[in-house]
Amino acid sequence: MVCGKINLDIDDFKKHTIYEGYKGDEQIIKWFWEWLTNAKEEEKIKYLKFVSGRTRLPKSEIGYEYTHKITQVSINNKLPKSLTCFFTLKLPNYNSQKVFIEKMKSSIENCSDITDY
């Protein structure tokens, strides 16, 4: 219970997500949830590590709640960035879902600054 859930529950994760600069129904947000829902477990873990520095989400049953933020960035087609201390994804706009997926995968694959101990 202390370490958190092994698998990412997408529906629960959505409930804990807020949007800054988005209404939550924009195409880029739909692409994000579609990508994360269909991602392999390994990619989901890499996303969590990229955006939070953790490989698991805390169990809310033990009283720890979290907030995942997706913040709109005004630049286009750049790599997504994260603020791990604030569990925030800074998400630029993309011209296509294919470009979005390429940029997301590049970001989560090349995030090596935070290591497990």
N, C-alpha and C. Protein backbone atom coordinates (compact mmCIF):
# COMPACT_ATOMS: atom_id res chain seq x y z
N MET A 1 0.82 -1.20 0.00
CA MET A 1 0.00 0.00 0.00
C MET A 1 0.85 1.26 0.00
N VAL A 2 2.00 1.20 0.64
CA VAL A 2 2.86 2.37 0.71
C VAL A 2 3.47 2.69 -0.66
N CYS A 3 3.84 1.67 -1.41
CA CYS A 3 4.50 1.86 -2.70
C CYS A 3 3.55 2.32 -3.79
N GLY A 4 2.27 2.02 -3.68
CA GLY A 4 1.30 2.44 -4.67
C GLY A 4 0.88 1.32 -5.60
N LYS A 5 -0.01 1.66 -6.49
CA LYS A 5 -0.58 0.70 -7.43
C LYS A 5 0.44 0.32 -8.49
N ILE A 6 0.47 -0.96 -8.84
CA ILE A 6 1.39 -1.43 -9.87
C ILE A 6 0.96 -0.96 -11.25
N ASN A 7 -0.33 -1.11 -11.55
CA ASN A 7 -0.84 -0.72 -12.86
C ASN A 7 -1.56 0.62 -12.78
N LEU A 8 -1.47 1.36 -13.86
CA LEU A 8 -2.12 2.67 -13.94
C LEU A 8 -3.57 2.49 -14.33
N ASP A 9 -4.48 2.90 -13.46
CA ASP A 9 -5.92 2.88 -13.73
C ASP A 9 -6.26 4.20 -14.44
N ILE A 10 -6.51 4.12 -15.74
CA ILE A 10 -6.72 5.33 -16.55
C ILE A 10 -7.93 6.12 -16.07
N ASP A 11 -9.03 5.45 -15.75
CA ASP A 11 -10.23 6.16 -15.30
C ASP A 11 -9.96 6.92 -14.01
N ASP A 12 -9.26 6.30 -13.08
CA ASP A 12 -8.90 6.97 -11.83
C ASP A 12 -7.94 8.12 -12.09
N PHE A 13 -7.00 7.90 -12.99
CA PHE A 13 -6.02 8.93 -13.34
C PHE A 13 -6.73 10.16 -13.94
N LYS A 14 -7.72 9.93 -14.79
CA LYS A 14 -8.50 11.03 -15.38
C LYS A 14 -9.20 11.84 -14.30
N LYS A 15 -9.73 11.16 -13.29
CA LYS A 15 -10.44 11.84 -12.20
C LYS A 15 -9.52 12.78 -11.43
N HIS A 16 -8.23 12.45 -11.41
CA HIS A 16 -7.26 13.26 -10.68
C HIS A 16 -6.52 14.26 -11.57
N THR A 17 -7.00 14.43 -12.80
CA THR A 17 -6.33 15.32 -13.75
C THR A 17 -7.10 16.62 -13.88
N ILE A 18 -6.35 17.72 -13.82
CA ILE A 18 -6.94 19.04 -14.09
C ILE A 18 -6.20 19.63 -15.28
N TYR A 19 -6.86 20.55 -15.94
CA TYR A 19 -6.32 21.15 -17.16
C TYR A 19 -6.14 22.64 -16.94
N GLU A 20 -4.96 23.13 -17.29
CA GLU A 20 -4.68 24.56 -17.20
C GLU A 20 -4.52 25.10 -18.61
N GLY A 21 -5.46 25.95 -19.02
CA GLY A 21 -5.44 26.50 -20.37
C GLY A 21 -6.26 25.68 -21.34
N TYR A 22 -6.76 24.55 -20.90
CA TYR A 22 -7.61 23.68 -21.71
C TYR A 22 -8.97 23.55 -21.05
N LYS A 23 -9.96 23.23 -21.85
CA LYS A 23 -11.28 22.92 -21.32
C LYS A 23 -11.38 21.44 -21.00
N GLY A 24 -10.49 20.65 -21.59
CA GLY A 24 -10.48 19.22 -21.36
C GLY A 24 -11.06 18.42 -22.51
N ASP A 25 -11.63 19.12 -23.49
CA ASP A 25 -12.23 18.40 -24.62
C ASP A 25 -11.56 18.74 -25.95
N GLU A 26 -10.41 19.41 -25.90
CA GLU A 26 -9.69 19.75 -27.12
C GLU A 26 -9.09 18.48 -27.74
N GLN A 27 -8.78 18.54 -29.01
CA GLN A 27 -8.26 17.39 -29.74
C GLN A 27 -6.97 16.87 -29.12
N ILE A 28 -6.08 17.75 -28.70
CA ILE A 28 -4.81 17.32 -28.13
C ILE A 28 -5.04 16.51 -26.85
N ILE A 29 -6.04 16.88 -26.06
CA ILE A 29 -6.36 16.14 -24.84
C ILE A 29 -6.94 14.78 -25.19
N LYS A 30 -7.77 14.73 -26.21
CA LYS A 30 -8.32 13.45 -26.67
C LYS A 30 -7.18 12.54 -27.15
N TRP A 31 -6.24 13.11 -27.89
CA TRP A 31 -5.08 12.33 -28.35
C TRP A 31 -4.29 11.81 -27.18
N PHE A 32 -4.07 12.66 -26.16
CA PHE A 32 -3.31 12.26 -24.98
C PHE A 32 -3.94 11.05 -24.31
N TRP A 33 -5.24 11.12 -24.03
CA TRP A 33 -5.90 10.02 -23.33
C TRP A 33 -5.99 8.77 -24.19
N GLU A 34 -6.18 8.94 -25.47
CA GLU A 34 -6.19 7.78 -26.36
C GLU A 34 -4.82 7.10 -26.37
N TRP A 35 -3.76 7.91 -26.46
CA TRP A 35 -2.41 7.36 -26.44
C TRP A 35 -2.13 6.64 -25.12
N LEU A 36 -2.43 7.30 -24.00
CA LEU A 36 -2.11 6.71 -22.70
C LEU A 36 -2.95 5.46 -22.45
N THR A 37 -4.20 5.48 -22.84
CA THR A 37 -5.07 4.31 -22.67
C THR A 37 -4.54 3.11 -23.44
N ASN A 38 -4.06 3.34 -24.65
CA ASN A 38 -3.59 2.26 -25.51
C ASN A 38 -2.11 1.93 -25.34
N ALA A 39 -1.42 2.69 -24.52
CA ALA A 39 0.02 2.48 -24.33
C ALA A 39 0.27 1.16 -23.60
N LYS A 40 1.43 0.58 -23.86
CA LYS A 40 1.86 -0.61 -23.12
C LYS A 40 2.14 -0.20 -21.68
N GLU A 41 2.07 -1.15 -20.76
CA GLU A 41 2.32 -0.84 -19.35
C GLU A 41 3.68 -0.18 -19.15
N GLU A 42 4.67 -0.62 -19.90
CA GLU A 42 6.01 -0.04 -19.80
C GLU A 42 5.99 1.45 -20.16
N GLU A 43 5.24 1.81 -21.19
CA GLU A 43 5.14 3.22 -21.58
C GLU A 43 4.39 4.03 -20.54
N LYS A 44 3.36 3.44 -19.95
CA LYS A 44 2.61 4.14 -18.90
C LYS A 44 3.52 4.44 -17.71
N ILE A 45 4.35 3.47 -17.34
CA ILE A 45 5.29 3.66 -16.24
C ILE A 45 6.31 4.75 -16.59
N LYS A 46 6.79 4.73 -17.83
CA LYS A 46 7.73 5.77 -18.27
C LYS A 46 7.07 7.14 -18.26
N TYR A 47 5.79 7.20 -18.64
CA TYR A 47 5.08 8.49 -18.58
C TYR A 47 5.01 8.97 -17.13
N LEU A 48 4.62 8.09 -16.22
CA LEU A 48 4.54 8.48 -14.81
C LEU A 48 5.89 8.99 -14.30
N LYS A 49 6.94 8.30 -14.67
CA LYS A 49 8.27 8.73 -14.24
C LYS A 49 8.63 10.08 -14.85
N PHE A 50 8.27 10.28 -16.11
CA PHE A 50 8.55 11.54 -16.79
C PHE A 50 7.83 12.70 -16.12
N VAL A 51 6.57 12.50 -15.76
CA VAL A 51 5.77 13.61 -15.26
C VAL A 51 5.80 13.76 -13.74
N SER A 52 6.17 12.69 -13.02
CA SER A 52 6.11 12.78 -11.55
C SER A 52 7.38 12.34 -10.84
N GLY A 53 8.27 11.65 -11.57
CA GLY A 53 9.45 11.10 -10.92
C GLY A 53 9.18 9.79 -10.22
N ARG A 54 7.95 9.29 -10.31
CA ARG A 54 7.54 8.04 -9.67
C ARG A 54 7.19 7.01 -10.73
N THR A 55 7.27 5.75 -10.38
CA THR A 55 6.87 4.71 -11.32
C THR A 55 5.50 4.11 -10.96
N ARG A 56 4.94 4.56 -9.86
CA ARG A 56 3.62 4.12 -9.42
C ARG A 56 2.84 5.29 -8.86
N LEU A 57 1.53 5.19 -8.94
CA LEU A 57 0.68 6.19 -8.31
C LEU A 57 0.40 5.79 -6.87
N PRO A 58 0.25 6.76 -5.99
CA PRO A 58 -0.08 6.43 -4.60
C PRO A 58 -1.50 5.87 -4.53
N LYS A 59 -1.75 5.05 -3.53
CA LYS A 59 -3.09 4.52 -3.32
C LYS A 59 -3.90 5.57 -2.56
N SER A 60 -4.98 6.02 -3.17
CA SER A 60 -5.79 7.05 -2.52
C SER A 60 -6.55 6.49 -1.31
N GLU A 61 -6.67 5.14 -1.23
CA GLU A 61 -7.37 4.54 -0.09
C GLU A 61 -6.66 4.81 1.23
N ILE A 62 -5.35 5.10 1.18
CA ILE A 62 -4.63 5.36 2.43
C ILE A 62 -4.59 6.85 2.76
N GLY A 63 -5.39 7.63 2.04
CA GLY A 63 -5.54 9.04 2.37
C GLY A 63 -4.67 9.99 1.60
N TYR A 64 -3.84 9.48 0.68
CA TYR A 64 -2.98 10.37 -0.10
C TYR A 64 -3.62 10.62 -1.45
N GLU A 65 -4.00 11.84 -1.69
CA GLU A 65 -4.57 12.22 -2.99
C GLU A 65 -3.49 12.93 -3.80
N TYR A 66 -3.61 12.88 -5.08
CA TYR A 66 -2.67 13.53 -5.97
C TYR A 66 -3.44 14.28 -7.04
N THR A 67 -2.79 15.23 -7.66
CA THR A 67 -3.38 15.97 -8.78
C THR A 67 -2.39 15.97 -9.93
N HIS A 68 -2.82 15.44 -11.03
CA HIS A 68 -2.04 15.42 -12.28
C HIS A 68 -2.53 16.60 -13.10
N LYS A 69 -1.61 17.46 -13.54
CA LYS A 69 -1.98 18.63 -14.32
C LYS A 69 -1.47 18.51 -15.75
N ILE A 70 -2.30 18.96 -16.67
CA ILE A 70 -1.86 19.10 -18.06
C ILE A 70 -2.02 20.58 -18.38
N THR A 71 -0.90 21.22 -18.66
CA THR A 71 -0.86 22.65 -18.88
C THR A 71 -0.61 22.96 -20.35
N GLN A 72 -1.42 23.84 -20.89
CA GLN A 72 -1.26 24.25 -22.29
C GLN A 72 -0.04 25.16 -22.43
N VAL A 73 0.73 24.89 -23.48
CA VAL A 73 1.90 25.70 -23.79
C VAL A 73 1.64 26.33 -25.16
N SER A 74 1.98 27.59 -25.31
CA SER A 74 1.63 28.31 -26.53
C SER A 74 2.51 28.01 -27.74
N ILE A 75 3.60 27.29 -27.54
CA ILE A 75 4.45 26.93 -28.68
C ILE A 75 3.94 25.66 -29.33
N ASN A 76 4.26 25.46 -30.57
CA ASN A 76 3.79 24.29 -31.30
C ASN A 76 4.93 23.35 -31.65
N ASN A 77 4.62 22.07 -31.69
CA ASN A 77 5.50 21.02 -32.20
C ASN A 77 6.83 20.85 -31.46
N LYS A 78 6.94 21.36 -30.26
CA LYS A 78 8.13 21.13 -29.43
C LYS A 78 7.89 19.89 -28.58
N LEU A 79 8.92 19.42 -27.92
CA LEU A 79 8.76 18.29 -27.03
C LEU A 79 7.95 18.69 -25.79
N PRO A 80 7.13 17.78 -25.30
CA PRO A 80 6.45 18.05 -24.03
C PRO A 80 7.49 18.16 -22.91
N LYS A 81 7.17 18.92 -21.91
CA LYS A 81 8.04 19.06 -20.74
C LYS A 81 7.25 18.68 -19.51
N SER A 82 7.96 18.41 -18.44
CA SER A 82 7.27 18.09 -17.20
C SER A 82 7.88 18.86 -16.04
N LEU A 83 7.07 19.03 -15.03
CA LEU A 83 7.51 19.59 -13.75
C LEU A 83 7.21 18.50 -12.72
N THR A 84 8.20 17.67 -12.44
CA THR A 84 7.95 16.51 -11.59
C THR A 84 7.52 16.87 -10.18
N CYS A 85 7.99 17.97 -9.65
CA CYS A 85 7.60 18.38 -8.30
C CYS A 85 6.12 18.74 -8.22
N PHE A 86 5.55 19.11 -9.34
CA PHE A 86 4.15 19.55 -9.38
C PHE A 86 3.26 18.59 -10.17
N PHE A 87 3.82 17.42 -10.59
CA PHE A 87 3.07 16.40 -11.33
C PHE A 87 2.35 17.04 -12.52
N THR A 88 3.13 17.81 -13.30
CA THR A 88 2.57 18.61 -14.38
C THR A 88 3.21 18.26 -15.71
N LEU A 89 2.36 18.10 -16.72
CA LEU A 89 2.80 17.93 -18.10
C LEU A 89 2.54 19.24 -18.82
N LYS A 90 3.60 19.83 -19.39
CA LYS A 90 3.46 21.04 -20.21
C LYS A 90 3.37 20.57 -21.66
N LEU A 91 2.18 20.70 -22.23
CA LEU A 91 1.88 20.07 -23.51
C LEU A 91 1.69 21.10 -24.63
N PRO A 92 2.60 21.12 -25.60
CA PRO A 92 2.43 22.00 -26.76
C PRO A 92 1.32 21.46 -27.67
N ASN A 93 0.93 22.24 -28.63
CA ASN A 93 -0.03 21.79 -29.64
C ASN A 93 0.72 21.12 -30.78
N TYR A 94 0.06 20.18 -31.42
CA TYR A 94 0.65 19.44 -32.53
C TYR A 94 -0.31 19.44 -33.71
N ASN A 95 0.26 19.35 -34.90
CA ASN A 95 -0.53 19.38 -36.12
C ASN A 95 -1.24 18.07 -36.40
N SER A 96 -0.74 16.98 -35.82
CA SER A 96 -1.35 15.68 -36.07
C SER A 96 -1.13 14.77 -34.87
N GLN A 97 -1.93 13.72 -34.79
CA GLN A 97 -1.78 12.75 -33.73
C GLN A 97 -0.46 12.00 -33.86
N LYS A 98 -0.04 11.76 -35.09
CA LYS A 98 1.23 11.07 -35.32
C LYS A 98 2.40 11.87 -34.73
N VAL A 99 2.42 13.18 -34.96
CA VAL A 99 3.48 14.03 -34.41
C VAL A 99 3.40 14.03 -32.89
N PHE A 100 2.19 14.14 -32.35
CA PHE A 100 2.01 14.11 -30.90
C PHE A 100 2.62 12.84 -30.30
N ILE A 101 2.29 11.69 -30.87
CA ILE A 101 2.78 10.41 -30.35
C ILE A 101 4.31 10.34 -30.45
N GLU A 102 4.88 10.78 -31.57
CA GLU A 102 6.34 10.78 -31.72
C GLU A 102 7.00 11.64 -30.65
N LYS A 103 6.46 12.83 -30.41
CA LYS A 103 7.04 13.73 -29.41
C LYS A 103 6.88 13.19 -27.99
N MET A 104 5.71 12.61 -27.69
CA MET A 104 5.49 12.05 -26.37
C MET A 104 6.45 10.89 -26.11
N LYS A 105 6.54 9.98 -27.09
CA LYS A 105 7.43 8.83 -26.92
C LYS A 105 8.88 9.26 -26.79
N SER A 106 9.28 10.26 -27.56
CA SER A 106 10.65 10.76 -27.46
C SER A 106 10.92 11.31 -26.06
N SER A 107 9.96 12.04 -25.53
CA SER A 107 10.14 12.62 -24.19
C SER A 107 10.24 11.56 -23.11
N ILE A 108 9.33 10.57 -23.14
CA ILE A 108 9.36 9.57 -22.07
C ILE A 108 10.53 8.60 -22.21
N GLU A 109 10.97 8.37 -23.42
CA GLU A 109 12.10 7.46 -23.64
C GLU A 109 13.43 8.09 -23.24
N ASN A 110 13.54 9.39 -23.36
CA ASN A 110 14.81 10.06 -23.12
C ASN A 110 14.88 10.77 -21.78
N CYS A 111 13.93 10.50 -20.92
CA CYS A 111 13.93 11.07 -19.58
C CYS A 111 14.79 10.20 -18.68
N SER A 112 16.03 10.60 -18.48
CA SER A 112 16.93 9.76 -17.69
C SER A 112 17.52 10.49 -16.48
N ASP A 113 17.06 11.68 -16.20
CA ASP A 113 17.64 12.44 -15.09
C ASP A 113 17.19 11.92 -13.74
N ILE A 114 16.00 11.36 -13.66
CA ILE A 114 15.50 10.86 -12.39
C ILE A 114 15.71 9.35 -12.38
N THR A 115 16.38 8.86 -11.37
CA THR A 115 16.67 7.43 -11.32
C THR A 115 16.04 6.80 -10.09
N ASP A 116 15.77 5.51 -10.19
CA ASP A 116 15.27 4.77 -9.03
C ASP A 116 16.44 4.41 -8.13
N TYR A 117 16.21 4.37 -6.85
CA TYR A 117 17.24 3.98 -5.90
C TYR A 117 16.94 2.63 -5.34
